[in-house]
Amino acid sequence: MMENDQLIENFFSDMKKQDQNIPIPEFPETKVRSFNWWIPSGIAATLLLGGFLLTQQEQVTEAPSEVIIISLQENENNEQEFTIEEKAYIDVWESSTSSLLTEF
């Protein structure tokens, strides 16, 4: 058993000696680049400005002072004609589908 241990120890010591003779290539030095802080700060400024512009409320335009009402009516001769009225407000509103209930 001792001989086997001695053989194994001699084998590995010979390998270590052979490995010491192998030339080690020189590797070029790597330069550590500094981190550019202006890139993330530019992104943050863009997001901040975009958020500010998107959250601004749009000004509500005022409704026109007059309302134009266009309606289709049937006269005495069963002819249809358009009537155009200008009012300051709509006083009566009738659903466009209410005629379906009364005609059919």
Protein backbone atom coordinates (compact mmCIF):
# COMPACT_ATOMS: atom_id res chain seq x y z
CA MET A 1 0.00 0.00 0.00
CA MET A 2 2.87 2.31 0.79
CA GLU A 3 4.35 1.73 -2.60
CA ASN A 4 1.13 2.78 -4.29
CA ASP A 5 1.00 5.97 -2.26
CA GLN A 6 4.62 6.71 -3.09
CA LEU A 7 3.98 6.06 -6.80
CA ILE A 8 1.01 8.41 -6.83
CA GLU A 9 2.96 11.08 -4.97
CA ASN A 10 5.89 10.80 -7.39
CA PHE A 11 3.55 10.97 -10.37
CA PHE A 12 1.95 14.20 -9.23
CA SER A 13 5.27 15.78 -8.23
CA ASP A 14 6.58 15.05 -11.76
CA MET A 15 3.48 16.67 -13.22
CA LYS A 16 4.05 19.77 -11.06
CA LYS A 17 7.64 20.00 -12.32
CA GLN A 18 6.45 19.74 -15.94
CA ASP A 19 3.79 22.39 -15.36
CA GLN A 20 6.40 24.83 -14.01
CA ASN A 21 8.24 24.65 -17.35
CA ILE A 22 5.17 25.66 -19.37
CA PRO A 23 5.44 29.34 -20.42
CA ILE A 24 2.58 31.54 -19.26
CA PRO A 25 1.42 34.03 -21.90
CA GLU A 26 1.07 37.62 -20.87
CA PHE A 27 -2.42 38.99 -21.00
CA PRO A 28 -3.01 42.62 -21.87
CA GLU A 29 -4.12 44.81 -19.04
CA THR A 30 -7.75 45.77 -19.09
CA LYS A 31 -8.67 49.34 -18.43
CA VAL A 32 -11.67 49.98 -16.26
CA ARG A 33 -13.90 52.51 -17.95
CA SER A 34 -15.66 55.04 -15.84
CA PHE A 35 -19.42 55.04 -15.81
CA ASN A 36 -21.04 57.93 -17.69
CA TRP A 37 -23.55 59.45 -15.31
CA TRP A 38 -24.98 61.80 -17.92
CA ILE A 39 -26.79 58.93 -19.72
CA PRO A 40 -29.09 57.87 -16.83
CA SER A 41 -29.54 61.47 -15.73
CA GLY A 42 -30.59 62.39 -19.29
CA ILE A 43 -33.08 59.52 -19.34
CA ALA A 44 -34.48 60.60 -15.97
CA ALA A 45 -34.79 64.21 -17.12
CA THR A 46 -36.58 63.11 -20.30
CA LEU A 47 -39.03 60.98 -18.32
CA LEU A 48 -39.64 63.80 -15.87
CA LEU A 49 -40.25 66.33 -18.66
CA GLY A 50 -42.46 63.87 -20.58
CA GLY A 51 -44.49 63.14 -17.45
CA PHE A 52 -44.91 66.85 -16.80
CA LEU A 53 -46.09 67.52 -20.36
CA LEU A 54 -48.46 64.55 -20.45
CA THR A 55 -50.12 65.35 -17.13
CA GLN A 56 -50.95 68.93 -18.03
CA GLN A 57 -54.69 69.30 -18.36
CA GLU A 58 -55.99 70.45 -21.67
CA GLN A 59 -58.04 73.60 -21.61
CA VAL A 60 -61.71 72.89 -22.04
CA THR A 61 -63.11 74.71 -25.01
CA GLU A 62 -66.41 76.39 -24.40
CA ALA A 63 -69.48 75.22 -26.22
CA PRO A 64 -70.76 77.47 -28.95
CA SER A 65 -73.26 80.02 -27.78
CA GLU A 66 -75.76 78.84 -30.38
CA VAL A 67 -76.84 75.35 -31.29
CA ILE A 68 -77.94 74.41 -34.79
CA ILE A 69 -80.73 71.81 -34.83
CA ILE A 70 -81.32 69.98 -38.08
CA SER A 71 -84.42 67.80 -38.18
CA LEU A 72 -86.26 65.84 -40.81
CA GLN A 73 -90.04 66.37 -40.75
CA GLU A 74 -92.98 65.27 -42.82
CA ASN A 75 -95.38 67.97 -44.08
CA GLU A 76 -99.08 67.78 -45.02
CA ASN A 77 -98.38 66.30 -48.45
CA ASN A 78 -96.38 63.43 -46.92
CA GLU A 79 -93.17 64.95 -48.22
CA GLN A 80 -90.11 65.01 -46.08
CA GLU A 81 -88.23 68.24 -45.57
CA PHE A 82 -85.31 69.41 -43.49
CA THR A 83 -85.79 72.19 -40.98
CA ILE A 84 -82.82 74.07 -39.61
CA GLU A 85 -83.14 76.02 -36.35
CA GLU A 86 -80.65 78.07 -34.40
CA LYS A 87 -81.17 78.18 -30.64
CA ALA A 88 -79.15 79.06 -27.60
CA TYR A 89 -79.87 75.64 -26.05
CA ILE A 90 -81.64 72.39 -26.81
CA ASP A 91 -84.98 72.38 -25.01
CA VAL A 92 -86.31 69.05 -26.29
CA TRP A 93 -84.35 65.97 -27.20
CA GLU A 94 -85.89 63.03 -28.95
CA SER A 95 -84.09 59.76 -29.44
CA SER A 96 -83.30 58.95 -33.04
CA THR A 97 -84.63 55.43 -32.52
CA SER A 98 -87.95 56.42 -30.93
CA SER A 99 -89.63 56.40 -34.35
CA LEU A 100 -88.89 52.68 -34.60
CA LEU A 101 -91.16 52.06 -31.63
CA THR A 102 -94.11 53.99 -33.05
CA GLU A 103 -93.89 53.08 -36.74
CA PHE A 104 -93.34 49.32 -36.56
